[in-house]
Amino acid sequence: MMPTTSATRRRGFSWRTVTAVWGLTHIALAVALTVIVTPSSPETALTFNRTVPWVLAGALLAWAFWWGERLRAQKPGAED
């Protein structure tokens, strides 16, 4: 078993945070799809079901990159 260092803990924290945000967001998406698509017309449901997940994935990807860069900039000894 490898010793735990502060760098390892920071890396674990960042991955847990990203995983939690993605997971909670996808649960919220599933709820939103259920609530919005069920009573909607087929056209509205299809449009919503095909566009919102892609927009959400793009936003989450952008957030994950931003989060990683922010953590990298806060790391002790980070270069400009």
Protein backbone atom coordinates (compact mmCIF):
# COMPACT_ATOMS: atom_id res chain seq x y z
CA MET A 1 0.00 0.00 0.00
CA MET A 2 1.35 3.41 -0.97
CA PRO A 3 1.71 6.13 1.64
CA THR A 4 -0.87 8.89 1.49
CA THR A 5 0.57 12.32 0.76
CA SER A 6 -1.11 15.69 0.66
CA ALA A 7 -0.88 15.66 -3.14
CA THR A 8 -2.67 12.31 -3.24
CA ARG A 9 -5.40 13.62 -0.93
CA ARG A 10 -5.85 16.75 -3.07
CA ARG A 11 -6.09 14.64 -6.20
CA GLY A 12 -8.65 12.38 -4.52
CA PHE A 13 -10.66 15.39 -3.37
CA SER A 14 -10.74 16.90 -6.85
CA TRP A 15 -11.88 13.62 -8.44
CA ARG A 16 -14.53 13.07 -5.76
CA THR A 17 -15.82 16.60 -6.32
CA VAL A 18 -16.00 16.22 -10.09
CA THR A 19 -17.67 12.81 -9.76
CA ALA A 20 -20.21 14.12 -7.24
CA VAL A 21 -21.08 17.14 -9.39
CA TRP A 22 -21.48 15.04 -12.53
CA GLY A 23 -23.54 12.42 -10.68
CA LEU A 24 -25.87 14.89 -8.98
CA THR A 25 -26.31 16.81 -12.21
CA HIS A 26 -27.26 13.67 -14.12
CA ILE A 27 -29.75 12.70 -11.41
CA ALA A 28 -31.26 16.19 -11.72
CA LEU A 29 -31.36 15.75 -15.51
CA ALA A 30 -33.22 12.45 -15.15
CA VAL A 31 -35.77 14.11 -12.87
CA ALA A 32 -36.14 17.08 -15.24
CA LEU A 33 -36.59 14.77 -18.23
CA THR A 34 -39.26 12.83 -16.38
CA VAL A 35 -41.13 15.93 -15.25
CA ILE A 36 -40.91 17.84 -18.54
CA VAL A 37 -41.13 15.05 -21.11
CA THR A 38 -43.99 13.04 -19.61
CA PRO A 39 -46.77 15.61 -20.04
CA SER A 40 -45.32 17.19 -23.21
CA SER A 41 -46.15 16.60 -26.82
CA PRO A 42 -43.92 14.11 -28.64
CA GLU A 43 -42.21 16.91 -30.59
CA THR A 44 -41.37 18.88 -27.46
CA ALA A 45 -40.26 15.76 -25.63
CA LEU A 46 -37.99 14.69 -28.47
CA THR A 47 -36.44 18.16 -28.82
CA PHE A 48 -35.84 18.45 -25.09
CA ASN A 49 -34.52 14.89 -24.82
CA ARG A 50 -32.07 15.38 -27.67
CA THR A 51 -30.73 18.86 -26.85
CA VAL A 52 -30.60 19.26 -23.08
CA PRO A 53 -28.25 16.31 -22.37
CA TRP A 54 -25.72 17.65 -24.91
CA VAL A 55 -25.89 21.16 -23.48
CA LEU A 56 -25.51 19.75 -19.99
CA ALA A 57 -22.54 17.58 -21.00
CA GLY A 58 -20.83 20.59 -22.59
CA ALA A 59 -21.42 22.72 -19.51
CA LEU A 60 -20.13 19.97 -17.20
CA LEU A 61 -17.06 19.43 -19.35
CA ALA A 62 -16.30 23.16 -19.33
CA TRP A 63 -16.81 23.24 -15.56
CA ALA A 64 -14.52 20.24 -15.03
CA PHE A 65 -11.73 21.88 -17.05
CA TRP A 66 -12.22 25.15 -15.18
CA TRP A 67 -12.19 23.31 -11.84
CA GLY A 68 -8.98 21.47 -12.75
CA GLU A 69 -7.22 24.64 -13.87
CA ARG A 70 -8.34 26.42 -10.71
CA LEU A 71 -6.94 23.64 -8.54
CA ARG A 72 -3.72 23.58 -10.55
CA ALA A 73 -3.30 27.34 -10.07
CA GLN A 74 -3.83 26.99 -6.31
CA LYS A 75 -1.28 24.21 -6.00
CA PRO A 76 1.82 25.26 -4.06
CA GLY A 77 4.65 26.02 -6.46
CA ALA A 78 2.33 26.50 -9.44
CA GLU A 79 3.98 28.20 -12.36
CA ASP A 80 2.37 31.10 -14.19
